[in-house]
Amino acid sequence: MPDRIAEHYERHAHSFDAARRKNFVERGWLDRFLLAVPKGGKILDLGCGAGEPIARYLVDRERLLTGVDASARMIALARTRFARHQWICGDMRDVAVEGPFHGVIAWDSLFHLRPEDQAAMVVKAAAWLAPGGAFLFNTGSARDETMSCQFGEELYHASLAPAEYRALFAGHGLVEVAFVPDDHTTGGRAIWLVRKER
């Protein structure tokens, strides 16, 4: 099922984009994330979708975006909206990008990967980050694999346990800044904000 995620978002790109533009619950977390990203700083957005509302918020605050998404339709929309930034159609698990980045975001995207792939992505994010850079992402609140429903279709979600994420942080130079396992301001998401050691 995880490998069909790209097909799902490709089929529903315009419907997802329309719904996403009306749902901007992560603003407070982005503000915290941006404390580690200087103006003109480089941000890697994994699972960027069509760039609304996250990319617009970051671009408006003078950051440089590299967005990665598996949906060609989503990437085409992002390129139209933010032509001066870099947009890559590809799988985040094997994309080649040039770091270092002052920040990495994986909002509502990392949790579509299998647990072992999520672990690998945390390691990659640590390698992509400049010292002091921030990584913002969301997961489940416990180790789990489950199915939700979006646009009438099943959608895969998974998570490691919090202790497993923390072990990855410790092993790859990441320091936990905040973890909220059930953030009511974002609809109950489990959210992590970490920074790379200087």
N, C-alpha and C. Protein backbone atom coordinates (compact mmCIF):
# COMPACT_ATOMS: atom_id res chain seq x y z
N MET A 1 0.81 -1.22 0.00
CA MET A 1 0.00 0.00 0.00
C MET A 1 0.84 1.28 0.00
N PRO A 2 1.95 1.37 0.77
CA PRO A 2 2.72 2.62 0.74
C PRO A 2 3.18 3.01 -0.65
N ASP A 3 3.48 2.03 -1.50
CA ASP A 3 3.97 2.35 -2.83
C ASP A 3 2.87 2.85 -3.76
N ARG A 4 1.62 2.82 -3.33
CA ARG A 4 0.52 3.35 -4.13
C ARG A 4 0.14 4.77 -3.71
N ILE A 5 0.83 5.31 -2.73
CA ILE A 5 0.54 6.66 -2.24
C ILE A 5 0.68 7.68 -3.37
N ALA A 6 1.77 7.57 -4.15
CA ALA A 6 2.00 8.53 -5.23
C ALA A 6 0.85 8.52 -6.23
N GLU A 7 0.37 7.32 -6.57
CA GLU A 7 -0.75 7.21 -7.52
C GLU A 7 -2.00 7.87 -6.94
N HIS A 8 -2.21 7.70 -5.66
CA HIS A 8 -3.39 8.30 -5.01
C HIS A 8 -3.35 9.82 -5.14
N TYR A 9 -2.21 10.42 -4.79
CA TYR A 9 -2.13 11.88 -4.84
C TYR A 9 -2.10 12.40 -6.28
N GLU A 10 -1.61 11.61 -7.20
CA GLU A 10 -1.65 12.02 -8.60
C GLU A 10 -3.10 12.07 -9.10
N ARG A 11 -3.88 11.06 -8.73
CA ARG A 11 -5.29 11.03 -9.14
C ARG A 11 -6.08 12.19 -8.56
N HIS A 12 -5.76 12.55 -7.32
CA HIS A 12 -6.56 13.53 -6.59
C HIS A 12 -5.82 14.84 -6.38
N ALA A 13 -4.86 15.14 -7.22
CA ALA A 13 -4.02 16.32 -7.02
C ALA A 13 -4.82 17.61 -6.88
N HIS A 14 -5.75 17.85 -7.78
CA HIS A 14 -6.48 19.13 -7.76
C HIS A 14 -7.47 19.19 -6.59
N SER A 15 -8.11 18.07 -6.28
CA SER A 15 -9.01 18.04 -5.12
C SER A 15 -8.25 18.24 -3.83
N PHE A 16 -7.09 17.58 -3.72
CA PHE A 16 -6.27 17.73 -2.53
C PHE A 16 -5.79 19.17 -2.39
N ASP A 17 -5.33 19.74 -3.49
CA ASP A 17 -4.82 21.11 -3.46
C ASP A 17 -5.91 22.09 -3.03
N ALA A 18 -7.10 21.92 -3.55
CA ALA A 18 -8.21 22.81 -3.19
C ALA A 18 -8.53 22.71 -1.70
N ALA A 19 -8.54 21.49 -1.17
CA ALA A 19 -8.83 21.30 0.25
C ALA A 19 -7.68 21.82 1.11
N ARG A 20 -6.46 21.59 0.67
CA ARG A 20 -5.28 21.96 1.45
C ARG A 20 -5.15 23.48 1.61
N ARG A 21 -5.54 24.22 0.58
CA ARG A 21 -5.43 25.67 0.65
C ARG A 21 -6.37 26.27 1.69
N LYS A 22 -7.37 25.51 2.11
CA LYS A 22 -8.32 25.99 3.11
C LYS A 22 -7.97 25.52 4.52
N ASN A 23 -6.87 24.79 4.66
CA ASN A 23 -6.57 24.13 5.92
C ASN A 23 -5.12 24.39 6.32
N PHE A 24 -4.89 25.49 7.03
CA PHE A 24 -3.54 25.89 7.39
C PHE A 24 -3.41 25.86 8.91
N VAL A 25 -3.25 24.64 9.45
CA VAL A 25 -3.22 24.48 10.90
C VAL A 25 -1.80 24.51 11.46
N GLU A 26 -0.79 24.46 10.58
CA GLU A 26 0.58 24.30 11.05
C GLU A 26 1.35 25.60 11.20
N ARG A 27 0.71 26.73 11.08
CA ARG A 27 1.40 28.02 11.10
C ARG A 27 2.27 28.19 12.36
N GLY A 28 1.75 27.87 13.52
CA GLY A 28 2.51 28.02 14.76
C GLY A 28 3.78 27.19 14.77
N TRP A 29 3.71 25.98 14.24
CA TRP A 29 4.89 25.13 14.18
C TRP A 29 5.90 25.66 13.16
N LEU A 30 5.41 26.19 12.06
CA LEU A 30 6.33 26.77 11.07
C LEU A 30 7.07 27.97 11.67
N ASP A 31 6.37 28.76 12.47
CA ASP A 31 7.03 29.91 13.11
C ASP A 31 8.16 29.45 14.03
N ARG A 32 7.92 28.36 14.77
CA ARG A 32 8.98 27.83 15.64
C ARG A 32 10.14 27.28 14.80
N PHE A 33 9.81 26.57 13.75
CA PHE A 33 10.80 26.02 12.83
C PHE A 33 11.68 27.12 12.23
N LEU A 34 11.06 28.22 11.85
CA LEU A 34 11.79 29.31 11.19
C LEU A 34 12.77 30.03 12.11
N LEU A 35 12.65 29.83 13.40
CA LEU A 35 13.62 30.43 14.32
C LEU A 35 15.04 29.90 14.05
N ALA A 36 15.11 28.71 13.44
CA ALA A 36 16.42 28.11 13.13
C ALA A 36 16.86 28.36 11.70
N VAL A 37 16.00 29.02 10.91
CA VAL A 37 16.29 29.20 9.48
C VAL A 37 16.43 30.68 9.18
N PRO A 38 17.63 31.17 8.88
CA PRO A 38 17.80 32.60 8.62
C PRO A 38 17.12 33.03 7.33
N LYS A 39 16.84 34.31 7.19
CA LYS A 39 16.32 34.82 5.93
C LYS A 39 17.32 34.51 4.83
N GLY A 40 16.79 34.04 3.69
CA GLY A 40 17.66 33.58 2.62
C GLY A 40 18.12 32.15 2.79
N GLY A 41 17.74 31.52 3.91
CA GLY A 41 18.13 30.15 4.18
C GLY A 41 17.41 29.15 3.29
N LYS A 42 18.02 27.99 3.14
CA LYS A 42 17.51 26.94 2.26
C LYS A 42 16.69 25.93 3.04
N ILE A 43 15.49 25.62 2.52
CA ILE A 43 14.60 24.65 3.15
C ILE A 43 14.27 23.54 2.15
N LEU A 44 14.32 22.30 2.62
CA LEU A 44 13.91 21.14 1.84
C LEU A 44 12.55 20.69 2.35
N ASP A 45 11.55 20.68 1.47
CA ASP A 45 10.19 20.28 1.82
C ASP A 45 9.89 18.93 1.17
N LEU A 46 9.85 17.88 1.98
CA LEU A 46 9.63 16.51 1.51
C LEU A 46 8.14 16.20 1.53
N GLY A 47 7.59 15.93 0.35
CA GLY A 47 6.14 15.77 0.24
C GLY A 47 5.47 17.13 0.20
N CYS A 48 6.01 18.00 -0.66
CA CYS A 48 5.61 19.41 -0.68
C CYS A 48 4.23 19.65 -1.28
N GLY A 49 3.67 18.64 -1.99
CA GLY A 49 2.41 18.87 -2.65
C GLY A 49 2.51 19.98 -3.68
N ALA A 50 1.48 20.79 -3.77
CA ALA A 50 1.44 21.87 -4.76
C ALA A 50 1.93 23.21 -4.20
N GLY A 51 2.49 23.17 -2.98
CA GLY A 51 3.09 24.38 -2.41
C GLY A 51 2.18 25.24 -1.56
N GLU A 52 0.94 24.87 -1.45
CA GLU A 52 0.00 25.62 -0.61
C GLU A 52 -0.44 24.77 0.57
N PRO A 53 -0.40 25.33 1.77
CA PRO A 53 -0.03 26.70 2.13
C PRO A 53 1.41 26.84 2.63
N ILE A 54 2.12 25.71 2.82
CA ILE A 54 3.43 25.76 3.49
C ILE A 54 4.46 26.53 2.68
N ALA A 55 4.65 26.16 1.41
CA ALA A 55 5.68 26.83 0.61
C ALA A 55 5.40 28.34 0.51
N ARG A 56 4.15 28.70 0.30
CA ARG A 56 3.84 30.13 0.20
C ARG A 56 4.22 30.86 1.49
N TYR A 57 3.93 30.27 2.61
CA TYR A 57 4.24 30.89 3.89
C TYR A 57 5.75 31.09 4.04
N LEU A 58 6.52 30.08 3.65
CA LEU A 58 7.97 30.15 3.78
C LEU A 58 8.59 31.10 2.75
N VAL A 59 8.09 31.06 1.53
CA VAL A 59 8.58 31.96 0.48
C VAL A 59 8.30 33.40 0.86
N ASP A 60 7.11 33.66 1.39
CA ASP A 60 6.75 35.02 1.81
C ASP A 60 7.66 35.53 2.93
N ARG A 61 8.32 34.61 3.63
CA ARG A 61 9.25 34.98 4.70
C ARG A 61 10.70 34.85 4.25
N GLU A 62 10.89 34.94 2.95
CA GLU A 62 12.22 35.08 2.32
C GLU A 62 13.13 33.88 2.52
N ARG A 63 12.55 32.68 2.49
CA ARG A 63 13.36 31.47 2.49
C ARG A 63 13.35 30.86 1.10
N LEU A 64 14.40 30.08 0.79
CA LEU A 64 14.54 29.43 -0.51
C LEU A 64 14.10 27.98 -0.40
N LEU A 65 13.19 27.59 -1.29
CA LEU A 65 12.58 26.27 -1.20
C LEU A 65 13.10 25.30 -2.24
N THR A 66 13.33 24.06 -1.81
CA THR A 66 13.46 22.91 -2.70
C THR A 66 12.36 21.95 -2.28
N GLY A 67 11.41 21.72 -3.15
CA GLY A 67 10.29 20.84 -2.84
C GLY A 67 10.40 19.53 -3.59
N VAL A 68 10.04 18.45 -2.91
CA VAL A 68 10.05 17.11 -3.50
C VAL A 68 8.68 16.49 -3.31
N ASP A 69 8.11 15.99 -4.39
CA ASP A 69 6.84 15.29 -4.29
C ASP A 69 6.76 14.24 -5.40
N ALA A 70 6.09 13.13 -5.10
CA ALA A 70 5.99 12.04 -6.06
C ALA A 70 4.91 12.28 -7.12
N SER A 71 4.07 13.28 -6.92
CA SER A 71 2.99 13.58 -7.88
C SER A 71 3.43 14.64 -8.88
N ALA A 72 3.48 14.27 -10.14
CA ALA A 72 3.87 15.22 -11.19
C ALA A 72 2.89 16.38 -11.29
N ARG A 73 1.61 16.11 -11.06
CA ARG A 73 0.60 17.18 -11.13
C ARG A 73 0.81 18.19 -10.00
N MET A 74 1.11 17.69 -8.82
CA MET A 74 1.37 18.59 -7.70
C MET A 74 2.59 19.46 -7.98
N ILE A 75 3.66 18.84 -8.45
CA ILE A 75 4.89 19.58 -8.74
C ILE A 75 4.65 20.62 -9.82
N ALA A 76 3.86 20.28 -10.83
CA ALA A 76 3.56 21.24 -11.89
C ALA A 76 2.86 22.48 -11.33
N LEU A 77 1.94 22.29 -10.40
CA LEU A 77 1.26 23.42 -9.76
C LEU A 77 2.25 24.26 -8.96
N ALA A 78 3.13 23.60 -8.21
CA ALA A 78 4.11 24.33 -7.41
C ALA A 78 5.05 25.14 -8.30
N ARG A 79 5.47 24.57 -9.42
CA ARG A 79 6.36 25.30 -10.34
C ARG A 79 5.67 26.53 -10.92
N THR A 80 4.38 26.40 -11.20
CA THR A 80 3.62 27.53 -11.73
C THR A 80 3.52 28.65 -10.70
N ARG A 81 3.32 28.28 -9.45
CA ARG A 81 3.12 29.28 -8.39
C ARG A 81 4.42 29.92 -7.92
N PHE A 82 5.49 29.12 -7.88
CA PHE A 82 6.75 29.59 -7.29
C PHE A 82 7.90 29.23 -8.23
N ALA A 83 7.93 29.88 -9.37
CA ALA A 83 8.86 29.51 -10.44
C ALA A 83 10.32 29.73 -10.07
N ARG A 84 10.59 30.60 -9.11
CA ARG A 84 11.98 30.91 -8.76
C ARG A 84 12.59 29.89 -7.80
N HIS A 85 11.80 28.94 -7.37
CA HIS A 85 12.27 27.94 -6.43
C HIS A 85 12.39 26.59 -7.14
N GLN A 86 13.00 25.63 -6.49
CA GLN A 86 13.28 24.34 -7.13
C GLN A 86 12.23 23.30 -6.73
N TRP A 87 11.69 22.61 -7.74
CA TRP A 87 10.65 21.61 -7.51
C TRP A 87 11.04 20.32 -8.22
N ILE A 88 11.06 19.23 -7.48
CA ILE A 88 11.54 17.94 -7.99
C ILE A 88 10.44 16.90 -7.87
N CYS A 89 10.11 16.29 -9.00
CA CYS A 89 9.15 15.18 -8.98
C CYS A 89 9.94 13.90 -8.74
N GLY A 90 9.71 13.28 -7.61
CA GLY A 90 10.44 12.06 -7.29
C GLY A 90 10.06 11.52 -5.92
N ASP A 91 10.57 10.34 -5.63
CA ASP A 91 10.34 9.65 -4.36
C ASP A 91 11.35 10.17 -3.34
N MET A 92 10.87 10.66 -2.22
CA MET A 92 11.78 11.21 -1.21
C MET A 92 12.82 10.20 -0.75
N ARG A 93 12.51 8.91 -0.88
CA ARG A 93 13.42 7.89 -0.38
C ARG A 93 14.71 7.78 -1.21
N ASP A 94 14.67 8.22 -2.47
CA ASP A 94 15.88 8.09 -3.29
C ASP A 94 16.20 9.35 -4.09
N VAL A 95 15.60 10.47 -3.71
CA VAL A 95 15.87 11.72 -4.42
C VAL A 95 17.30 12.22 -4.12
N ALA A 96 17.91 12.82 -5.12
CA ALA A 96 19.25 13.40 -4.94
C ALA A 96 19.10 14.92 -4.86
N VAL A 97 19.45 15.49 -3.74
CA VAL A 97 19.37 16.94 -3.56
C VAL A 97 20.71 17.44 -3.03
N GLU A 98 20.97 18.72 -3.30
CA GLU A 98 22.23 19.32 -2.86
C GLU A 98 22.01 20.13 -1.58
N GLY A 99 22.56 19.65 -0.51
CA GLY A 99 22.51 20.38 0.74
C GLY A 99 23.77 21.21 0.90
N PRO A 100 24.06 21.68 2.09
CA PRO A 100 23.20 21.48 3.25
C PRO A 100 22.01 22.44 3.25
N PHE A 101 21.00 22.07 4.05
CA PHE A 101 19.80 22.89 4.20
C PHE A 101 19.74 23.43 5.63
N HIS A 102 19.18 24.62 5.75
CA HIS A 102 18.96 25.18 7.08
C HIS A 102 17.73 24.57 7.75
N GLY A 103 16.86 23.96 6.96
CA GLY A 103 15.68 23.32 7.50
C GLY A 103 15.16 22.24 6.57
N VAL A 104 14.56 21.21 7.16
CA VAL A 104 13.89 20.15 6.42
C VAL A 104 12.50 19.99 7.03
N ILE A 105 11.49 19.90 6.15
CA ILE A 105 10.10 19.69 6.59
C ILE A 105 9.56 18.43 5.92
N ALA A 106 8.84 17.64 6.71
CA ALA A 106 8.08 16.51 6.15
C ALA A 106 6.72 16.50 6.85
N TRP A 107 5.87 17.42 6.42
CA TRP A 107 4.56 17.60 7.06
C TRP A 107 3.52 16.75 6.32
N ASP A 108 2.88 15.85 7.06
CA ASP A 108 1.87 14.95 6.50
C ASP A 108 2.41 14.13 5.33
N SER A 109 3.68 13.76 5.38
CA SER A 109 4.25 12.97 4.28
C SER A 109 5.05 11.77 4.77
N LEU A 110 5.92 11.97 5.75
CA LEU A 110 6.76 10.89 6.24
C LEU A 110 5.91 9.71 6.72
N PHE A 111 4.76 10.01 7.30
CA PHE A 111 3.94 8.93 7.88
C PHE A 111 3.24 8.05 6.84
N HIS A 112 3.43 8.35 5.55
CA HIS A 112 2.94 7.45 4.51
C HIS A 112 3.95 6.35 4.17
N LEU A 113 5.15 6.42 4.75
CA LEU A 113 6.19 5.43 4.49
C LEU A 113 6.15 4.32 5.54
N ARG A 114 6.69 3.15 5.16
CA ARG A 114 6.83 2.07 6.13
C ARG A 114 7.76 2.52 7.26
N PRO A 115 7.62 1.93 8.44
CA PRO A 115 8.46 2.36 9.57
C PRO A 115 9.95 2.34 9.27
N GLU A 116 10.43 1.29 8.58
CA GLU A 116 11.87 1.23 8.30
C GLU A 116 12.30 2.33 7.32
N ASP A 117 11.40 2.72 6.41
CA ASP A 117 11.71 3.82 5.49
C ASP A 117 11.71 5.16 6.21
N GLN A 118 10.81 5.30 7.19
CA GLN A 118 10.82 6.53 8.00
C GLN A 118 12.14 6.67 8.75
N ALA A 119 12.62 5.56 9.32
CA ALA A 119 13.89 5.60 10.03
C ALA A 119 15.01 6.05 9.09
N ALA A 120 15.02 5.52 7.88
CA ALA A 120 16.05 5.89 6.90
C ALA A 120 15.95 7.37 6.54
N MET A 121 14.72 7.91 6.46
CA MET A 121 14.54 9.31 6.12
C MET A 121 15.01 10.24 7.24
N VAL A 122 14.85 9.83 8.48
CA VAL A 122 15.36 10.64 9.59
C VAL A 122 16.88 10.74 9.49
N VAL A 123 17.52 9.61 9.15
CA VAL A 123 18.98 9.61 8.99
C VAL A 123 19.39 10.52 7.84
N LYS A 124 18.64 10.47 6.72
CA LYS A 124 18.96 11.33 5.58
C LYS A 124 18.76 12.80 5.93
N ALA A 125 17.68 13.11 6.63
CA ALA A 125 17.43 14.50 7.02
C ALA A 125 18.57 15.02 7.87
N ALA A 126 19.06 14.21 8.78
CA ALA A 126 20.19 14.62 9.62
C ALA A 126 21.42 14.93 8.77
N ALA A 127 21.64 14.12 7.74
CA ALA A 127 22.79 14.34 6.86
C ALA A 127 22.63 15.59 6.00
N TRP A 128 21.40 15.90 5.60
CA TRP A 128 21.14 17.07 4.76
C TRP A 128 21.23 18.38 5.53
N LEU A 129 21.02 18.35 6.83
CA LEU A 129 20.94 19.58 7.62
C LEU A 129 22.31 20.19 7.89
N ALA A 130 22.34 21.51 7.82
CA ALA A 130 23.50 22.25 8.29
C ALA A 130 23.50 22.24 9.82
N PRO A 131 24.67 22.39 10.46
CA PRO A 131 24.69 22.48 11.92
C PRO A 131 23.73 23.58 12.41
N GLY A 132 22.92 23.23 13.40
CA GLY A 132 21.93 24.16 13.93
C GLY A 132 20.62 24.17 13.17
N GLY A 133 20.55 23.46 12.03
CA GLY A 133 19.33 23.43 11.23
C GLY A 133 18.22 22.64 11.89
N ALA A 134 16.98 22.89 11.45
CA ALA A 134 15.79 22.30 12.08
C ALA A 134 15.11 21.30 11.17
N PHE A 135 14.51 20.29 11.78
CA PHE A 135 13.73 19.26 11.08
C PHE A 135 12.37 19.20 11.75
N LEU A 136 11.32 19.48 10.97
CA LEU A 136 9.94 19.47 11.46
C LEU A 136 9.18 18.38 10.72
N PHE A 137 8.57 17.46 11.46
CA PHE A 137 7.81 16.39 10.82
C PHE A 137 6.76 15.87 11.78
N ASN A 138 5.80 15.13 11.24
CA ASN A 138 4.77 14.55 12.10
C ASN A 138 4.63 13.05 11.83
N THR A 139 4.17 12.35 12.86
CA THR A 139 4.11 10.89 12.88
C THR A 139 2.84 10.46 13.60
N GLY A 140 2.75 9.18 13.92
CA GLY A 140 1.77 8.72 14.88
C GLY A 140 2.35 8.87 16.28
N SER A 141 1.54 8.63 17.29
CA SER A 141 2.00 8.78 18.67
C SER A 141 2.57 7.49 19.25
N ALA A 142 2.47 6.38 18.48
CA ALA A 142 2.99 5.08 18.93
C ALA A 142 3.32 4.26 17.69
N ARG A 143 4.09 3.17 17.86
CA ARG A 143 4.39 2.31 16.71
C ARG A 143 3.09 1.69 16.21
N ASP A 144 2.83 1.86 14.92
CA ASP A 144 1.55 1.41 14.38
C ASP A 144 1.60 1.45 12.86
N GLU A 145 0.75 0.65 12.25
CA GLU A 145 0.46 0.74 10.82
C GLU A 145 -1.06 0.69 10.70
N THR A 146 -1.63 1.65 10.00
CA THR A 146 -3.07 1.75 9.94
C THR A 146 -3.52 2.29 8.59
N MET A 147 -4.82 2.23 8.35
CA MET A 147 -5.39 2.77 7.12
C MET A 147 -6.40 3.85 7.47
N SER A 148 -6.35 4.94 6.75
CA SER A 148 -7.38 5.98 6.85
C SER A 148 -8.11 6.03 5.52
N CYS A 149 -8.98 7.02 5.35
CA CYS A 149 -9.72 7.16 4.11
C CYS A 149 -9.64 8.61 3.63
N GLN A 150 -9.34 8.79 2.36
CA GLN A 150 -9.29 10.12 1.76
C GLN A 150 -9.85 10.03 0.35
N PHE A 151 -10.80 10.89 0.03
CA PHE A 151 -11.46 10.90 -1.29
C PHE A 151 -12.02 9.52 -1.63
N GLY A 152 -12.54 8.83 -0.60
CA GLY A 152 -13.16 7.54 -0.81
C GLY A 152 -12.21 6.38 -1.03
N GLU A 153 -10.91 6.60 -0.80
CA GLU A 153 -9.91 5.55 -0.99
C GLU A 153 -9.10 5.35 0.29
N GLU A 154 -8.64 4.11 0.49
CA GLU A 154 -7.81 3.82 1.64
C GLU A 154 -6.43 4.46 1.49
N LEU A 155 -5.89 4.91 2.61
CA LEU A 155 -4.60 5.60 2.61
C LEU A 155 -3.77 5.07 3.78
N TYR A 156 -2.56 4.60 3.47
CA TYR A 156 -1.69 3.97 4.47
C TYR A 156 -0.98 5.02 5.33
N HIS A 157 -0.90 4.72 6.64
CA HIS A 157 -0.12 5.53 7.58
C HIS A 157 0.66 4.58 8.49
N ALA A 158 1.82 5.02 8.92
CA ALA A 158 2.62 4.21 9.85
C ALA A 158 3.43 5.12 10.75
N SER A 159 3.96 4.53 11.80
CA SER A 159 4.79 5.29 12.73
C SER A 159 5.70 4.34 13.49
N LEU A 160 6.86 4.86 13.85
CA LEU A 160 7.70 4.22 14.85
C LEU A 160 7.21 4.65 16.24
N ALA A 161 7.74 4.04 17.26
CA ALA A 161 7.47 4.48 18.63
C ALA A 161 8.33 5.71 18.92
N PRO A 162 7.87 6.60 19.80
CA PRO A 162 8.69 7.77 20.15
C PRO A 162 10.11 7.41 20.57
N ALA A 163 10.28 6.33 21.32
CA ALA A 163 11.62 5.94 21.74
C ALA A 163 12.51 5.58 20.55
N GLU A 164 11.92 5.04 19.50
CA GLU A 164 12.70 4.69 18.31
C GLU A 164 13.15 5.95 17.57
N TYR A 165 12.28 6.94 17.45
CA TYR A 165 12.70 8.22 16.85
C TYR A 165 13.82 8.85 17.68
N ARG A 166 13.66 8.81 19.00
CA ARG A 166 14.68 9.43 19.87
C ARG A 166 16.03 8.73 19.75
N ALA A 167 16.01 7.42 19.57
CA ALA A 167 17.27 6.69 19.38
C ALA A 167 17.94 7.12 18.08
N LEU A 168 17.14 7.34 17.03
CA LEU A 168 17.68 7.83 15.77
C LEU A 168 18.28 9.23 15.94
N PHE A 169 17.58 10.09 16.66
CA PHE A 169 18.11 11.44 16.90
C PHE A 169 19.47 11.35 17.59
N ALA A 170 19.53 10.55 18.64
CA ALA A 170 20.75 10.45 19.43
C ALA A 170 21.92 9.91 18.60
N GLY A 171 21.62 9.03 17.67
CA GLY A 171 22.66 8.42 16.88
C GLY A 171 23.12 9.24 15.70
N HIS A 172 22.40 10.33 15.41
CA HIS A 172 22.72 11.10 14.20
C HIS A 172 22.79 12.60 14.44
N GLY A 173 23.11 12.98 15.66
CA GLY A 173 23.40 14.37 15.96
C GLY A 173 22.20 15.30 15.97
N LEU A 174 21.01 14.76 16.25
CA LEU A 174 19.80 15.58 16.32
C LEU A 174 19.36 15.73 17.77
N VAL A 175 18.92 16.93 18.11
CA VAL A 175 18.49 17.24 19.48
C VAL A 175 17.01 17.58 19.46
N GLU A 176 16.25 16.92 20.30
CA GLU A 176 14.80 17.17 20.36
C GLU A 176 14.53 18.55 20.97
N VAL A 177 13.75 19.34 20.25
CA VAL A 177 13.31 20.64 20.73
C VAL A 177 11.90 20.53 21.30
N ALA A 178 11.04 19.82 20.59
CA ALA A 178 9.65 19.67 21.05
C ALA A 178 9.04 18.42 20.46
N PHE A 179 8.17 17.79 21.24
CA PHE A 179 7.36 16.67 20.77
C PHE A 179 5.99 16.79 21.43
N VAL A 180 4.95 16.84 20.61
CA VAL A 180 3.59 16.86 21.13
C VAL A 180 2.86 15.67 20.52
N PRO A 181 2.50 14.66 21.32
CA PRO A 181 1.93 13.44 20.77
C PRO A 181 0.50 13.56 20.27
N ASP A 182 -0.21 14.60 20.72
CA ASP A 182 -1.60 14.78 20.30
C ASP A 182 -1.89 16.28 20.31
N ASP A 183 -1.43 16.95 19.28
CA ASP A 183 -1.53 18.41 19.23
C ASP A 183 -2.92 18.83 18.76
N HIS A 184 -3.73 19.29 19.68
CA HIS A 184 -5.11 19.63 19.33
C HIS A 184 -5.20 20.80 18.35
N THR A 185 -4.17 21.66 18.33
CA THR A 185 -4.22 22.81 17.42
C THR A 185 -4.05 22.40 15.96
N THR A 186 -3.53 21.18 15.73
CA THR A 186 -3.35 20.71 14.35
C THR A 186 -4.21 19.48 14.05
N GLY A 187 -5.26 19.29 14.83
CA GLY A 187 -6.16 18.17 14.57
C GLY A 187 -5.70 16.86 15.16
N GLY A 188 -4.85 16.91 16.18
CA GLY A 188 -4.43 15.68 16.85
C GLY A 188 -3.17 15.05 16.30
N ARG A 189 -2.42 15.75 15.48
CA ARG A 189 -1.18 15.21 14.95
C ARG A 189 -0.13 15.05 16.06
N ALA A 190 0.76 14.07 15.86
CA ALA A 190 1.94 13.93 16.70
C ALA A 190 3.09 14.63 15.98
N ILE A 191 3.67 15.64 16.60
CA ILE A 191 4.61 16.54 15.90
C ILE A 191 5.95 16.57 16.60
N TRP A 192 7.01 16.50 15.78
CA TRP A 192 8.39 16.58 16.25
C TRP A 192 9.07 17.81 15.67
N LEU A 193 9.82 18.49 16.49
CA LEU A 193 10.74 19.53 16.03
C LEU A 193 12.10 19.22 16.65
N VAL A 194 13.11 19.00 15.79
CA VAL A 194 14.45 18.70 16.26
C VAL A 194 15.45 19.60 15.56
N ARG A 195 16.63 19.73 16.14
CA ARG A 195 17.69 20.54 15.52
C ARG A 195 18.98 19.73 15.46
N LYS A 196 19.79 20.00 14.48
CA LYS A 196 21.08 19.34 14.36
C LYS A 196 22.08 20.03 15.27
N GLU A 197 22.87 19.23 15.95
CA GLU A 197 23.88 19.80 16.84
C GLU A 197 24.84 20.68 16.07
N ARG A 198 25.30 21.73 16.72
CA ARG A 198 26.28 22.64 16.11
C ARG A 198 27.69 22.06 16.23
